[in-house]
Amino acid sequence: MTIALEAEGLNTFYGKSHILYDVGLKVKEGAITTLLGRNGAGKTTTLRSLVGLTPPRSGKITIFGKDTTHTPTYRITQNGVGYVPEGRKIFAHLTVEDNLRVPQERPGPWTIERVYQTFPRLAERKMNKGRQLSGGEQEMLSIARALLLNPQLLILDEPSQGLAPLIVKEVFRIVQQTKADGMSVLLVEQNVRASLEIADYAYVLDHGVMGWSGTAADLVKDEERIQALAGASAEEWSFDDTLSAAETEALAHQPHAVA
């Protein structure tokens, strides 16, 4: 299996504050890799370093065989990387339809029509403004915008943050579907069990240092380490291929934000 993304020896700072210490990781093509860690471990900083938003002071980043360490973010996305940031960052005063027309389209299977087929909630709300959507709908919209770039590599930062469990299941199901489409995925998550259930490989970051790496299956067996990820969701998790009838009904009646 070839490598979609590789980071070596990343040292990233915010001003004088040293955040990442010689961080390295690999994302294999066609696989889901999850990056886990407690709050403040440096997970978001790692992603920002990888996509050029907070460039590392030292180290090397390679994406699909090209050195992108000092490449501007817009060129990284043009080269086949979709980034879904923490906090969704949708345009609150644009409609769903207009939000989806913001990304520069790239050739590939993902079109606005397919987005609406995959996210029927967005089709129902396509004339609603971003600020009128529920948290789950905003997350779906944020992911959908990234998918319209038809990326080869999809990077997601905390897609389940603040969402109800049944919405989390729906979001993670979409992440699984991107893998089925042949995308490589790097997923930062607080929900440890949910992410390990869909991931192939896992890394654990601790105070800016990569403390563990291996297969997701191996980490699942390490209950002590999972429980030690304080601030991460360590409760039992069940990810079924289909929503129950009750969950489907509940999903259809999720409350929406008011204008």
C-alpha atoms as a PDB file:
ATOM      1  CA  MET A   1       0.000   0.000   0.000  1.00  0.00           C
ATOM      2  CA  THR A   2       1.449   3.387  -1.010  1.00  0.00           C
ATOM      3  CA  ILE A   3       1.580   6.477   1.194  1.00  0.00           C
ATOM      4  CA  ALA A   4      -0.855   9.368   0.668  1.00  0.00           C
ATOM      5  CA  LEU A   5       0.659  11.614   3.335  1.00  0.00           C
ATOM      6  CA  GLU A   6       3.811  11.436   5.424  1.00  0.00           C
ATOM      7  CA  ALA A   7       5.041  13.847   8.078  1.00  0.00           C
ATOM      8  CA  GLU A   8       8.506  13.595   9.603  1.00  0.00           C
ATOM      9  CA  GLY A   9       9.980  15.484  12.554  1.00  0.00           C
ATOM     10  CA  LEU A  10       7.431  18.301  12.686  1.00  0.00           C
ATOM     11  CA  ASN A  11       8.203  21.052  15.187  1.00  0.00           C
ATOM     12  CA  THR A  12       5.464  23.670  15.253  1.00  0.00           C
ATOM     13  CA  PHE A  13       5.257  26.814  17.352  1.00  0.00           C
ATOM     14  CA  TYR A  14       2.687  29.472  18.188  1.00  0.00           C
ATOM     15  CA  GLY A  15       4.959  32.426  18.770  1.00  0.00           C
ATOM     16  CA  LYS A  16       7.483  31.225  21.344  1.00  0.00           C
ATOM     17  CA  SER A  17       5.303  28.328  22.490  1.00  0.00           C
ATOM     18  CA  HIS A  18       6.586  24.974  21.238  1.00  0.00           C
ATOM     19  CA  ILE A  19       3.487  22.862  20.457  1.00  0.00           C
ATOM     20  CA  LEU A  20       4.624  19.866  18.369  1.00  0.00           C
ATOM     21  CA  TYR A  21       7.840  17.995  19.118  1.00  0.00           C
ATOM     22  CA  ASP A  22       9.261  15.926  16.240  1.00  0.00           C
ATOM     23  CA  VAL A  23       5.804  14.659  15.286  1.00  0.00           C
ATOM     24  CA  GLY A  24       5.595  12.075  12.522  1.00  0.00           C
ATOM     25  CA  LEU A  25       2.766  10.095  10.995  1.00  0.00           C
ATOM     26  CA  LYS A  26       1.728   8.319   7.800  1.00  0.00           C
ATOM     27  CA  VAL A  27      -1.616   8.023   6.022  1.00  0.00           C
ATOM     28  CA  LYS A  28      -1.746   5.078   3.646  1.00  0.00           C
ATOM     29  CA  GLU A  29      -3.715   5.344   0.419  1.00  0.00           C
ATOM     30  CA  GLY A  30      -7.251   4.028   0.653  1.00  0.00           C
ATOM     31  CA  ALA A  31      -7.121   3.747   4.460  1.00  0.00           C
ATOM     32  CA  ILE A  32      -8.648   5.626   7.383  1.00  0.00           C
ATOM     33  CA  THR A  33      -6.067   6.829   9.897  1.00  0.00           C
ATOM     34  CA  THR A  34      -7.196   8.397  13.158  1.00  0.00           C
ATOM     35  CA  LEU A  35      -5.227  10.786  15.359  1.00  0.00           C
ATOM     36  CA  LEU A  36      -6.319  10.654  18.997  1.00  0.00           C
ATOM     37  CA  GLY A  37      -5.352  12.499  22.147  1.00  0.00           C
ATOM     38  CA  ARG A  38      -6.572  14.478  25.100  1.00  0.00           C
ATOM     39  CA  ASN A  39      -7.689  18.098  24.824  1.00  0.00           C
ATOM     40  CA  GLY A  40      -4.649  20.274  24.210  1.00  0.00           C
ATOM     41  CA  ALA A  41      -2.511  17.395  22.961  1.00  0.00           C
ATOM     42  CA  GLY A  42      -1.776  19.194  19.684  1.00  0.00           C
ATOM     43  CA  LYS A  43      -4.122  17.358  17.312  1.00  0.00           C
ATOM     44  CA  THR A  44      -5.565  20.442  15.608  1.00  0.00           C
ATOM     45  CA  THR A  45      -2.103  22.013  15.382  1.00  0.00           C
ATOM     46  CA  THR A  46      -0.907  18.858  13.641  1.00  0.00           C
ATOM     47  CA  LEU A  47      -3.632  19.161  11.016  1.00  0.00           C
ATOM     48  CA  ARG A  48      -3.002  22.884  10.571  1.00  0.00           C
ATOM     49  CA  SER A  49       0.669  22.102  10.012  1.00  0.00           C
ATOM     50  CA  LEU A  50      -0.158  19.456   7.425  1.00  0.00           C
ATOM     51  CA  VAL A  51      -2.369  21.778   5.373  1.00  0.00           C
ATOM     52  CA  GLY A  52      -0.126  24.833   5.605  1.00  0.00           C
ATOM     53  CA  LEU A  53      -2.196  26.971   7.985  1.00  0.00           C
ATOM     54  CA  THR A  54       0.434  26.834  10.750  1.00  0.00           C
ATOM     55  CA  PRO A  55       3.619  25.743   8.962  1.00  0.00           C
ATOM     56  CA  PRO A  56       6.174  23.843  11.048  1.00  0.00           C
ATOM     57  CA  ARG A  57       9.519  25.471  11.756  1.00  0.00           C
ATOM     58  CA  SER A  58      11.246  22.216  10.969  1.00  0.00           C
ATOM     59  CA  GLY A  59      10.370  18.831   9.568  1.00  0.00           C
ATOM     60  CA  LYS A  60       9.026  17.590   6.265  1.00  0.00           C
ATOM     61  CA  ILE A  61       5.544  16.936   4.861  1.00  0.00           C
ATOM     62  CA  THR A  62       4.990  14.866   1.740  1.00  0.00           C
ATOM     63  CA  ILE A  63       1.587  14.475   0.095  1.00  0.00           C
ATOM     64  CA  PHE A  64       1.272  11.994  -2.763  1.00  0.00           C
ATOM     65  CA  GLY A  65       5.027  12.049  -3.209  1.00  0.00           C
ATOM     66  CA  LYS A  66       5.387  15.847  -3.369  1.00  0.00           C
ATOM     67  CA  ASP A  67       7.138  17.905  -0.708  1.00  0.00           C
ATOM     68  CA  THR A  68       4.444  20.301   0.543  1.00  0.00           C
ATOM     69  CA  THR A  69       6.204  21.539   3.696  1.00  0.00           C
ATOM     70  CA  HIS A  70       6.237  25.155   2.515  1.00  0.00           C
ATOM     71  CA  THR A  71       3.308  24.987   0.100  1.00  0.00           C
ATOM     72  CA  PRO A  72       0.427  27.481   0.559  1.00  0.00           C
ATOM     73  CA  THR A  73      -2.856  26.004   1.739  1.00  0.00           C
ATOM     74  CA  TYR A  74      -4.741  26.836  -1.444  1.00  0.00           C
ATOM     75  CA  ARG A  75      -2.224  24.905  -3.529  1.00  0.00           C
ATOM     76  CA  ILE A  76      -2.419  21.916  -1.193  1.00  0.00           C
ATOM     77  CA  THR A  77      -6.196  21.799  -1.682  1.00  0.00           C
ATOM     78  CA  GLN A  78      -5.767  22.208  -5.435  1.00  0.00           C
ATOM     79  CA  ASN A  79      -3.523  19.149  -5.377  1.00  0.00           C
ATOM     80  CA  GLY A  80      -6.246  16.868  -4.059  1.00  0.00           C
ATOM     81  CA  VAL A  81      -6.627  17.513  -0.316  1.00  0.00           C
ATOM     82  CA  GLY A  82      -9.992  18.260   1.292  1.00  0.00           C
ATOM     83  CA  TYR A  83      -9.891  19.814   4.770  1.00  0.00           C
ATOM     84  CA  VAL A  84     -12.864  19.945   7.156  1.00  0.00           C
ATOM     85  CA  PRO A  85     -11.810  22.241  10.020  1.00  0.00           C
ATOM     86  CA  GLU A  86     -12.922  22.138  13.619  1.00  0.00           C
ATOM     87  CA  GLY A  87     -15.950  24.358  14.126  1.00  0.00           C
ATOM     88  CA  ARG A  88     -17.338  23.741  10.598  1.00  0.00           C
ATOM     89  CA  LYS A  89     -16.588  27.260   9.248  1.00  0.00           C
ATOM     90  CA  ILE A  90     -19.552  27.385   6.891  1.00  0.00           C
ATOM     91  CA  PHE A  91     -20.842  30.709   5.533  1.00  0.00           C
ATOM     92  CA  ALA A  92     -23.669  31.561   7.927  1.00  0.00           C
ATOM     93  CA  HIS A  93     -25.380  34.089   5.652  1.00  0.00           C
ATOM     94  CA  LEU A  94     -25.271  31.958   2.498  1.00  0.00           C
ATOM     95  CA  THR A  95     -27.811  29.290   1.667  1.00  0.00           C
ATOM     96  CA  VAL A  96     -26.865  25.625   1.662  1.00  0.00           C
ATOM     97  CA  GLU A  97     -26.888  25.708  -2.139  1.00  0.00           C
ATOM     98  CA  ASP A  98     -24.590  28.746  -2.243  1.00  0.00           C
ATOM     99  CA  ASN A  99     -22.238  27.206   0.329  1.00  0.00           C
ATOM    100  CA  LEU A 100     -21.913  24.187  -1.937  1.00  0.00           C
ATOM    101  CA  ARG A 101     -21.081  26.386  -4.924  1.00  0.00           C
ATOM    102  CA  VAL A 102     -18.165  28.074  -3.140  1.00  0.00           C
ATOM    103  CA  PRO A 103     -15.535  25.327  -3.698  1.00  0.00           C
ATOM    104  CA  GLN A 104     -13.775  25.244  -7.039  1.00  0.00           C
ATOM    105  CA  GLU A 105     -15.030  22.018  -8.569  1.00  0.00           C
ATOM    106  CA  ARG A 106     -12.578  19.304  -9.559  1.00  0.00           C
ATOM    107  CA  PRO A 107     -13.405  16.421 -11.887  1.00  0.00           C
ATOM    108  CA  GLY A 108     -14.656  13.359 -10.069  1.00  0.00           C
ATOM    109  CA  PRO A 109     -17.684  11.499  -8.757  1.00  0.00           C
ATOM    110  CA  TRP A 110     -18.766  14.105  -6.202  1.00  0.00           C
ATOM    111  CA  THR A 111     -21.243  16.646  -7.566  1.00  0.00           C
ATOM    112  CA  ILE A 112     -23.895  18.765  -5.882  1.00  0.00           C
ATOM    113  CA  GLU A 113     -26.469  16.244  -7.067  1.00  0.00           C
ATOM    114  CA  ARG A 114     -24.591  13.396  -5.377  1.00  0.00           C
ATOM    115  CA  VAL A 115     -24.215  15.505  -2.226  1.00  0.00           C
ATOM    116  CA  TYR A 116     -27.967  15.877  -2.059  1.00  0.00           C
ATOM    117  CA  GLN A 117     -28.423  12.145  -2.582  1.00  0.00           C
ATOM    118  CA  THR A 118     -25.912  11.357   0.172  1.00  0.00           C
ATOM    119  CA  PHE A 119     -27.109  14.085   2.536  1.00  0.00           C
ATOM    120  CA  PRO A 120     -30.889  14.249   2.009  1.00  0.00           C
ATOM    121  CA  ARG A 121     -31.098  16.638   4.953  1.00  0.00           C
ATOM    122  CA  LEU A 122     -29.132  19.183   2.942  1.00  0.00           C
ATOM    123  CA  ALA A 123     -31.424  18.715  -0.046  1.00  0.00           C
ATOM    124  CA  GLU A 124     -34.387  19.509   2.202  1.00  0.00           C
ATOM    125  CA  ARG A 125     -32.636  22.613   3.535  1.00  0.00           C
ATOM    126  CA  LYS A 126     -30.903  23.816   0.362  1.00  0.00           C
ATOM    127  CA  MET A 127     -32.560  27.242   0.459  1.00  0.00           C
ATOM    128  CA  ASN A 128     -31.961  27.686   4.200  1.00  0.00           C
ATOM    129  CA  LYS A 129     -29.052  29.829   5.314  1.00  0.00           C
ATOM    130  CA  GLY A 130     -26.149  28.278   7.142  1.00  0.00           C
ATOM    131  CA  ARG A 131     -27.107  29.899  10.448  1.00  0.00           C
ATOM    132  CA  GLN A 132     -30.508  28.216  10.276  1.00  0.00           C
ATOM    133  CA  LEU A 133     -29.061  24.703  10.257  1.00  0.00           C
ATOM    134  CA  SER A 134     -28.656  22.409  13.237  1.00  0.00           C
ATOM    135  CA  GLY A 135     -25.140  21.474  14.348  1.00  0.00           C
ATOM    136  CA  GLY A 136     -25.384  18.119  12.586  1.00  0.00           C
ATOM    137  CA  GLU A 137     -26.544  19.719   9.353  1.00  0.00           C
ATOM    138  CA  GLN A 138     -23.718  22.255   9.513  1.00  0.00           C
ATOM    139  CA  GLU A 139     -21.206  19.421   9.919  1.00  0.00           C
ATOM    140  CA  MET A 140     -22.715  17.592   6.940  1.00  0.00           C
ATOM    141  CA  LEU A 141     -22.472  20.801   4.900  1.00  0.00           C
ATOM    142  CA  SER A 142     -18.837  21.290   5.893  1.00  0.00           C
ATOM    143  CA  ILE A 143     -17.978  17.720   4.848  1.00  0.00           C
ATOM    144  CA  ALA A 144     -19.980  18.042   1.643  1.00  0.00           C
ATOM    145  CA  ARG A 145     -18.071  21.171   0.597  1.00  0.00           C
ATOM    146  CA  ALA A 146     -14.787  19.310   1.013  1.00  0.00           C
ATOM    147  CA  LEU A 147     -16.081  16.330  -0.961  1.00  0.00           C
ATOM    148  CA  LEU A 148     -16.989  18.595  -3.890  1.00  0.00           C
ATOM    149  CA  LEU A 149     -13.270  19.136  -4.362  1.00  0.00           C
ATOM    150  CA  ASN A 150     -13.145  15.403  -5.183  1.00  0.00           C
ATOM    151  CA  PRO A 151     -10.055  15.052  -3.010  1.00  0.00           C
ATOM    152  CA  GLN A 152      -7.761  12.077  -2.930  1.00  0.00           C
ATOM    153  CA  LEU A 153      -7.092  12.795   0.750  1.00  0.00           C
ATOM    154  CA  LEU A 154      -9.771  13.964   3.184  1.00  0.00           C
ATOM    155  CA  ILE A 155      -8.673  15.502   6.512  1.00  0.00           C
ATOM    156  CA  LEU A 156     -11.323  15.982   9.201  1.00  0.00           C
ATOM    157  CA  ASP A 157     -10.928  17.761  12.539  1.00  0.00           C
ATOM    158  CA  GLU A 158     -13.420  16.674  15.231  1.00  0.00           C
ATOM    159  CA  PRO A 159     -16.431  16.009  12.953  1.00  0.00           C
ATOM    160  CA  SER A 160     -18.471  14.613  15.873  1.00  0.00           C
ATOM    161  CA  GLN A 161     -17.881  17.558  18.221  1.00  0.00           C
ATOM    162  CA  GLY A 162     -21.072  18.650  19.940  1.00  0.00           C
ATOM    163  CA  LEU A 163     -23.323  16.275  18.006  1.00  0.00           C
ATOM    164  CA  ALA A 164     -25.949  13.869  19.325  1.00  0.00           C
ATOM    165  CA  PRO A 165     -24.937  10.183  19.147  1.00  0.00           C
ATOM    166  CA  LEU A 166     -27.290   9.295  16.312  1.00  0.00           C
ATOM    167  CA  ILE A 167     -25.964  12.205  14.222  1.00  0.00           C
ATOM    168  CA  VAL A 168     -22.427  11.056  14.986  1.00  0.00           C
ATOM    169  CA  LYS A 169     -23.313   7.653  13.519  1.00  0.00           C
ATOM    170  CA  GLU A 170     -24.516   9.330  10.340  1.00  0.00           C
ATOM    171  CA  VAL A 171     -21.369  11.443  10.008  1.00  0.00           C
ATOM    172  CA  PHE A 172     -19.089   8.449  10.574  1.00  0.00           C
ATOM    173  CA  ARG A 173     -21.036   6.450   8.024  1.00  0.00           C
ATOM    174  CA  ILE A 174     -20.239   9.130   5.452  1.00  0.00           C
ATOM    175  CA  VAL A 175     -16.549   8.932   6.386  1.00  0.00           C
ATOM    176  CA  GLN A 176     -16.673   5.185   5.777  1.00  0.00           C
ATOM    177  CA  GLN A 177     -18.277   5.805   2.402  1.00  0.00           C
ATOM    178  CA  THR A 178     -15.398   8.053   1.333  1.00  0.00           C
ATOM    179  CA  LYS A 179     -13.014   5.173   2.009  1.00  0.00           C
ATOM    180  CA  ALA A 180     -15.209   2.913  -0.127  1.00  0.00           C
ATOM    181  CA  ASP A 181     -14.811   5.517  -2.886  1.00  0.00           C
ATOM    182  CA  GLY A 182     -11.047   5.096  -2.655  1.00  0.00           C
ATOM    183  CA  MET A 183     -10.207   8.226  -0.658  1.00  0.00           C
ATOM    184  CA  SER A 184      -7.539   8.283   2.016  1.00  0.00           C
ATOM    185  CA  VAL A 185      -8.756   9.763   5.307  1.00  0.00           C
ATOM    186  CA  LEU A 186      -7.015  11.388   8.276  1.00  0.00           C
ATOM    187  CA  LEU A 187      -9.465  11.782  11.137  1.00  0.00           C
ATOM    188  CA  VAL A 188      -8.892  13.714  14.363  1.00  0.00           C
ATOM    189  CA  GLU A 189     -11.445  12.695  16.957  1.00  0.00           C
ATOM    190  CA  GLN A 190     -12.353  12.880  20.638  1.00  0.00           C
ATOM    191  CA  ASN A 191     -14.753   9.963  20.279  1.00  0.00           C
ATOM    192  CA  VAL A 192     -12.168   7.222  20.661  1.00  0.00           C
ATOM    193  CA  ARG A 193     -14.344   4.150  20.259  1.00  0.00           C
ATOM    194  CA  ALA A 194     -16.274   5.494  17.285  1.00  0.00           C
ATOM    195  CA  SER A 195     -13.128   6.450  15.416  1.00  0.00           C
ATOM    196  CA  LEU A 196     -11.359   3.161  16.159  1.00  0.00           C
ATOM    197  CA  GLU A 197     -14.344   1.227  14.867  1.00  0.00           C
ATOM    198  CA  ILE A 198     -13.941   2.696  11.374  1.00  0.00           C
ATOM    199  CA  ALA A 199     -10.164   3.305  11.308  1.00  0.00           C
ATOM    200  CA  ASP A 200      -7.419   1.074   9.944  1.00  0.00           C
ATOM    201  CA  TYR A 201      -4.529   2.793  11.732  1.00  0.00           C
ATOM    202  CA  ALA A 202      -4.221   4.990  14.822  1.00  0.00           C
ATOM    203  CA  TYR A 203      -1.846   7.454  16.431  1.00  0.00           C
ATOM    204  CA  VAL A 204      -2.019   8.863  19.950  1.00  0.00           C
ATOM    205  CA  LEU A 205      -0.621  12.342  20.580  1.00  0.00           C
ATOM    206  CA  ASP A 206       0.296  13.421  24.115  1.00  0.00           C
ATOM    207  CA  HIS A 207       1.467  16.968  24.912  1.00  0.00           C
ATOM    208  CA  GLY A 208       2.760  17.454  21.382  1.00  0.00           C
ATOM    209  CA  VAL A 209       4.645  14.155  21.308  1.00  0.00           C
ATOM    210  CA  MET A 210       3.543  11.101  19.328  1.00  0.00           C
ATOM    211  CA  GLY A 211       3.183   8.520  22.084  1.00  0.00           C
ATOM    212  CA  TRP A 212       1.729   5.521  20.254  1.00  0.00           C
ATOM    213  CA  SER A 213       1.139   4.261  16.726  1.00  0.00           C
ATOM    214  CA  GLY A 214      -0.173   1.035  15.267  1.00  0.00           C
ATOM    215  CA  THR A 215      -3.278  -0.595  13.903  1.00  0.00           C
ATOM    216  CA  ALA A 216      -6.660   0.478  15.202  1.00  0.00           C
ATOM    217  CA  ALA A 217      -7.360  -3.170  16.058  1.00  0.00           C
ATOM    218  CA  ASP A 218      -4.340  -3.235  18.378  1.00  0.00           C
ATOM    219  CA  LEU A 219      -5.365  -0.025  20.131  1.00  0.00           C
ATOM    220  CA  VAL A 220      -8.879  -1.344  20.676  1.00  0.00           C
ATOM    221  CA  LYS A 221      -7.342  -4.117  22.785  1.00  0.00           C
ATOM    222  CA  ASP A 222      -5.494  -1.600  24.979  1.00  0.00           C
ATOM    223  CA  GLU A 223      -8.332  -0.664  27.309  1.00  0.00           C
ATOM    224  CA  GLU A 224      -6.031   1.081  29.782  1.00  0.00           C
ATOM    225  CA  ARG A 225      -4.706   3.430  27.102  1.00  0.00           C
ATOM    226  CA  ILE A 226      -8.194   4.166  25.818  1.00  0.00           C
ATOM    227  CA  GLN A 227      -9.412   4.987  29.312  1.00  0.00           C
ATOM    228  CA  ALA A 228      -6.358   7.201  29.821  1.00  0.00           C
ATOM    229  CA  LEU A 229      -7.448   9.415  26.927  1.00  0.00           C
ATOM    230  CA  ALA A 230      -9.280  11.686  29.364  1.00  0.00           C
ATOM    231  CA  GLY A 231     -11.549  14.154  27.672  1.00  0.00           C
ATOM    232  CA  ALA A 232     -12.064  11.667  24.873  1.00  0.00           C
ATOM    233  CA  SER A 233     -15.208   9.595  24.701  1.00  0.00           C
ATOM    234  CA  ALA A 234     -14.284   6.237  26.194  1.00  0.00           C
ATOM    235  CA  GLU A 235     -17.746   4.854  26.749  1.00  0.00           C
ATOM    236  CA  GLU A 236     -19.096   1.839  24.930  1.00  0.00           C
ATOM    237  CA  TRP A 237     -19.881   2.527  21.303  1.00  0.00           C
ATOM    238  CA  SER A 238     -21.873   0.579  18.769  1.00  0.00           C
ATOM    239  CA  PHE A 239     -21.624   1.501  15.114  1.00  0.00           C
ATOM    240  CA  ASP A 240     -24.205  -0.385  13.082  1.00  0.00           C
ATOM    241  CA  ASP A 241     -24.511  -0.334   9.311  1.00  0.00           C
ATOM    242  CA  THR A 242     -28.071   0.919   9.563  1.00  0.00           C
ATOM    243  CA  LEU A 243     -29.888   3.281  11.851  1.00  0.00           C
ATOM    244  CA  SER A 244     -32.664   1.813  13.907  1.00  0.00           C
ATOM    245  CA  ALA A 245     -36.230   2.859  13.125  1.00  0.00           C
ATOM    246  CA  ALA A 246     -36.273   5.000  16.266  1.00  0.00           C
ATOM    247  CA  GLU A 247     -33.003   6.711  15.304  1.00  0.00           C
ATOM    248  CA  THR A 248     -34.208   7.361  11.771  1.00  0.00           C
ATOM    249  CA  GLU A 249     -37.347   8.960  13.163  1.00  0.00           C
ATOM    250  CA  ALA A 250     -35.329  11.036  15.609  1.00  0.00           C
ATOM    251  CA  LEU A 251     -32.939  12.136  12.877  1.00  0.00           C
ATOM    252  CA  ALA A 252     -35.853  13.373  10.799  1.00  0.00           C
ATOM    253  CA  HIS A 253     -37.042  15.558  13.664  1.00  0.00           C
ATOM    254  CA  GLN A 254     -33.774  17.116  14.846  1.00  0.00           C
ATOM    255  CA  PRO A 255     -34.286  20.713  15.973  1.00  0.00           C
ATOM    256  CA  HIS A 256     -32.845  23.482  13.829  1.00  0.00           C
ATOM    257  CA  ALA A 257     -31.291  26.754  14.748  1.00  0.00           C
ATOM    258  CA  VAL A 258     -33.516  29.776  14.376  1.00  0.00           C
ATOM    259  CA  ALA A 259     -32.670  32.707  12.137  1.00  0.00           C
END
